[in-house]
C-alpha cells in the first residue's frame, strides 16, 4: 500500500494548536519601568522631577543657585524661574511674607503690587503674588510663589520674571504652578504625597486683593 504524506500546512496548524494548548511560546519578562529622572540641589535640599519633561531648561544649579528657563514660544516670551529657600525658623508665616513682598514690590522703580491668591498645593498652603516694575526702562512682571519647604520649617519661594504681554496672566500662572509641581517629596519623581493634590485657588487673605488680569503691557 502506498504511504500517504501529510500536507505541510496541516503539520504547521497542528504545531500552532499544540503551542496554544501549552500556554504559547515563552516570552521575555516585562521590563521594569525606569525611574524618572530627577534634579537635586543639596544646598536648597530640593529634588525636582526632570524639568525637561515640562518644557523647561536648566539655567543654573550650583550652590544655592537653582534656576530654570522657559524658552518661550510664539505667544509668550521667555521667562526665568528662580528657586530660593530661607533659613530654618521656628515657624514660617506666609501672610507676613506676603505683606513684606507687597512693600518690596511697591518700592521698586514703577513698582506696583497687583495682588495675591491663596493656593492649596501638593506642599500644603501657598500664596501666589504678582507685580510689575521697571528694569532699565523696560516693564517686567513677576509672579512669586510662597510655600513651606517640604522637609524643614523654611520658607520656599519660586519667582518667575518675564516681559508681560497682553492677556498672559492665566498662562503665566499655569506655568509657575507647573514649575512648582516639579518639586518632589522623596526624590522618586512623585510630587503627590500626604495631603497632596492639584493646586486649588481660594480668595486671598492679604490686603491687596486677588490677582488682576491686565489688558495690555507697555514699556516705559
Protein backbone atom coordinates (compact mmCIF):
# COMPACT_ATOMS: atom_id res chain seq x y z
CA UNK A 1 0.00 0.00 0.00
CA UNK A 2 1.47 3.40 -0.93
CA UNK A 3 2.45 5.65 2.04
CA UNK A 4 0.32 8.76 2.46
CA UNK A 5 2.05 12.09 3.09
CA UNK A 6 0.69 14.73 5.42
CA UNK A 7 0.48 18.21 3.93
CA UNK A 8 2.93 20.71 5.41
CA UNK A 9 0.20 23.26 6.20
CA UNK A 10 -1.60 20.64 8.29
CA UNK A 11 1.57 19.93 10.28
CA UNK A 12 2.06 23.66 10.86
CA UNK A 13 -1.53 24.05 12.05
CA UNK A 14 -1.15 21.14 14.48
CA UNK A 15 2.05 22.66 15.91
CA UNK A 16 0.34 26.03 16.44
CA UNK A 17 -2.57 24.34 18.20
CA UNK A 18 -0.17 22.43 20.47
CA UNK A 19 1.69 25.58 21.43
CA UNK A 20 -1.58 27.35 22.21
CA UNK A 21 -2.69 24.46 24.45
CA UNK A 22 0.58 24.70 26.39
CA UNK A 23 0.26 28.40 27.00
CA UNK A 24 2.03 29.63 23.94
CA UNK A 25 5.67 30.19 23.18
CA UNK A 26 7.85 31.52 26.02
CA UNK A 27 8.05 35.31 26.17
CA UNK A 28 10.56 37.67 27.77
CA UNK A 29 9.64 39.10 31.15
CA UNK A 30 8.21 42.62 31.03
CA UNK A 31 10.89 45.24 31.51
CA UNK A 32 10.81 47.13 34.82
CA UNK A 33 9.75 50.76 34.23
CA UNK A 34 12.68 53.13 34.55
CA UNK A 35 12.74 55.53 37.48
CA UNK A 36 12.00 59.10 36.35
CA UNK A 37 14.98 61.42 36.02
CA UNK A 38 15.41 63.94 38.83
CA UNK A 39 17.41 67.09 39.52
CA UNK A 40 18.86 67.69 43.00
CA UNK A 41 20.20 70.75 44.80
CA UNK A 42 21.84 69.91 48.12
CA UNK A 43 22.11 73.49 49.41
CA UNK A 44 18.37 74.08 48.99
CA UNK A 45 17.51 70.47 49.95
CA UNK A 46 15.26 70.23 46.91
CA UNK A 47 14.67 67.48 44.38
CA UNK A 48 12.85 68.22 41.14
CA UNK A 49 11.39 65.94 38.54
CA UNK A 50 13.38 66.42 35.32
CA UNK A 51 12.42 69.96 34.19
CA UNK A 52 12.71 68.96 30.53
CA UNK A 53 9.59 66.83 30.91
CA UNK A 54 7.60 70.06 31.41
CA UNK A 55 9.36 72.09 28.73
CA UNK A 56 11.85 73.91 31.00
CA UNK A 57 15.60 74.24 30.53
CA UNK A 58 18.15 74.18 33.34
CA UNK A 59 19.82 77.59 33.55
CA UNK A 60 21.86 77.14 36.75
CA UNK A 61 22.32 74.57 39.52
CA UNK A 62 25.27 75.34 41.77
CA UNK A 63 25.39 76.11 45.48
CA UNK A 64 22.09 77.75 46.38
CA UNK A 65 21.55 78.97 42.81
CA UNK A 66 18.82 76.93 41.15
CA UNK A 67 17.21 78.48 38.08
CA UNK A 68 15.08 77.18 35.24
CA UNK A 69 14.29 78.88 31.97
CA UNK A 70 11.18 78.59 29.89
CA UNK A 71 12.40 79.23 26.34
CA UNK A 72 9.26 80.93 25.08
CA UNK A 73 7.04 80.26 22.10
CA UNK A 74 5.09 82.23 19.55
CA UNK A 75 2.70 83.68 22.13
CA UNK A 76 4.79 84.12 25.31
CA UNK A 77 8.36 85.47 25.67
CA UNK A 78 10.96 83.54 27.70
CA UNK A 79 10.82 83.54 31.50
CA UNK A 80 13.31 82.78 34.28
CA UNK A 81 12.28 80.72 37.33
CA UNK A 82 14.38 81.02 40.50
CA UNK A 83 14.03 78.69 43.49
CA UNK A 84 15.09 80.04 46.90
CA UNK A 85 14.93 78.70 50.46
CA UNK A 86 15.17 80.77 53.64
CA UNK A 87 16.81 79.85 56.95
CA UNK A 88 15.34 77.33 59.35
CA UNK A 89 12.99 79.22 61.67
CA UNK A 90 10.56 78.41 64.44
CA UNK A 91 7.52 78.98 62.25
CA UNK A 92 7.09 80.28 58.71
CA UNK A 93 4.37 82.94 58.50
CA UNK A 94 3.27 83.10 54.87
CA UNK A 95 0.87 86.01 55.44
CA UNK A 96 3.65 88.19 56.85
CA UNK A 97 5.89 87.20 53.94
CA UNK A 98 3.23 88.42 51.50
CA UNK A 99 2.95 91.75 53.32
CA UNK A 100 6.71 92.20 53.06
CA UNK A 101 6.60 91.27 49.38
CA UNK A 102 3.92 93.91 48.76
CA UNK A 103 6.07 96.63 50.35
CA UNK A 104 9.18 95.48 48.47
CA UNK A 105 7.40 95.39 45.10
CA UNK A 106 5.89 98.86 45.55
CA UNK A 107 9.33 100.26 46.41
CA UNK A 108 10.84 99.24 43.05
CA UNK A 109 11.03 101.69 40.14
CA UNK A 110 7.47 102.00 38.80
CA UNK A 111 6.64 99.07 41.09
CA UNK A 112 3.03 98.01 41.52
CA UNK A 113 1.83 95.08 43.61
CA UNK A 114 -1.08 93.54 41.70
CA UNK A 115 -2.42 91.21 44.38
CA UNK A 116 -2.24 87.63 45.57
CA UNK A 117 -4.19 84.39 45.64
CA UNK A 118 -4.12 81.63 48.24
CA UNK A 119 -3.46 78.12 46.96
CA UNK A 120 -3.85 74.57 48.19
CA UNK A 121 -0.96 72.60 46.71
CA UNK A 122 0.99 69.35 47.00
CA UNK A 123 3.25 71.07 49.57
CA UNK A 124 0.38 72.44 51.59
CA UNK A 125 -0.89 76.06 51.79
CA UNK A 126 0.81 78.55 49.50
CA UNK A 127 0.40 82.06 48.13
CA UNK A 128 0.99 83.38 44.63
CA UNK A 129 1.65 87.09 44.12
CA UNK A 130 2.04 89.23 41.02
CA UNK A 131 3.58 92.63 40.45
CA UNK A 132 5.11 94.87 37.81
CA UNK A 133 8.18 97.06 37.88
CA UNK A 134 10.61 98.85 35.57
CA UNK A 135 14.04 97.37 34.82
CA UNK A 136 16.21 99.91 32.96
CA UNK A 137 13.09 101.45 31.47
CA UNK A 138 11.54 98.13 30.40
CA UNK A 139 8.33 96.91 32.05
CA UNK A 140 8.79 93.49 33.66
CA UNK A 141 6.35 91.29 35.51
CA UNK A 142 6.94 88.93 38.41
CA UNK A 143 4.95 86.04 39.78
CA UNK A 144 6.25 84.79 43.13
CA UNK A 145 5.03 81.70 44.93
CA UNK A 146 5.43 81.36 48.72
CA UNK A 147 5.22 77.99 50.48
CA UNK A 148 6.80 75.98 53.26
CA UNK A 149 9.73 73.74 52.45
CA UNK A 150 8.63 70.08 52.19
CA UNK A 151 11.29 68.82 54.64
CA UNK A 152 12.01 71.72 57.02
CA UNK A 153 10.44 74.76 58.62
CA UNK A 154 11.92 77.06 55.99
CA UNK A 155 10.36 79.50 53.55
CA UNK A 156 10.35 78.28 49.96
CA UNK A 157 9.88 80.76 47.13
CA UNK A 158 9.70 80.34 43.38
CA UNK A 159 10.00 83.56 41.38
CA UNK A 160 9.17 83.94 37.68
CA UNK A 161 10.29 87.08 35.84
CA UNK A 162 9.39 87.91 32.25
CA UNK A 163 8.27 90.75 29.95
CA UNK A 164 4.45 90.88 30.13
CA UNK A 165 2.24 90.53 27.09
CA UNK A 166 -1.45 91.22 26.62
CA UNK A 167 -3.75 88.76 28.35
CA UNK A 168 -0.95 86.45 29.56
CA UNK A 169 -1.80 86.32 33.27
CA UNK A 170 -3.55 82.95 33.27
CA UNK A 171 -0.92 81.30 31.09
CA UNK A 172 1.88 82.62 33.30
CA UNK A 173 0.08 81.45 36.41
CA UNK A 174 -0.25 77.96 34.97
CA UNK A 175 3.44 78.00 34.05
CA UNK A 176 4.68 78.82 37.53
CA UNK A 177 2.38 76.18 39.01
CA UNK A 178 3.85 73.65 36.59
CA UNK A 179 7.38 74.59 37.68
CA UNK A 180 6.32 74.42 41.34
CA UNK A 181 4.82 70.98 40.74
CA UNK A 182 8.26 69.67 39.78
CA UNK A 183 9.28 69.74 43.46
CA UNK A 184 9.15 66.22 44.86
CA UNK A 185 8.82 64.89 48.40
CA UNK A 186 11.24 61.99 48.34
CA UNK A 187 13.27 62.17 45.16
CA UNK A 188 11.30 59.42 43.44
CA UNK A 189 9.71 61.74 40.93
CA UNK A 190 6.37 61.65 42.74
CA UNK A 191 5.23 65.08 43.83
CA UNK A 192 1.99 63.94 45.43
CA UNK A 193 2.47 62.66 48.95
CA UNK A 194 0.47 63.03 52.12
CA UNK A 195 -2.05 65.79 51.69
CA UNK A 196 -1.07 66.13 48.05
CA UNK A 197 -3.17 67.01 45.08
CA UNK A 198 -3.53 69.51 42.30
CA UNK A 199 -3.34 73.17 43.21
CA UNK A 200 -6.62 74.86 44.00
CA UNK A 201 -7.27 78.54 44.42
CA UNK A 202 -9.08 80.40 47.18
CA UNK A 203 -9.63 84.06 47.81
CA UNK A 204 -6.56 85.88 49.07
CA UNK A 205 -6.44 86.91 52.71
CA UNK A 206 -3.74 89.59 52.49
CA UNK A 207 -4.61 93.22 51.79
CA UNK A 208 -4.04 93.99 48.14
CA UNK A 209 -6.73 91.87 46.52
CA UNK A 210 -6.66 88.87 44.25
CA UNK A 211 -4.51 88.71 41.15
CA UNK A 212 -5.67 91.01 38.38
CA UNK A 213 -5.58 90.32 34.66
CA UNK A 214 -4.23 93.33 32.77
CA UNK A 215 -5.45 94.14 29.32
CA UNK A 216 -2.05 95.02 27.99
CA UNK A 217 1.58 95.83 28.72
CA UNK A 218 3.77 98.78 27.91
CA UNK A 219 7.40 99.77 28.16
CA UNK A 220 8.36 102.94 29.87
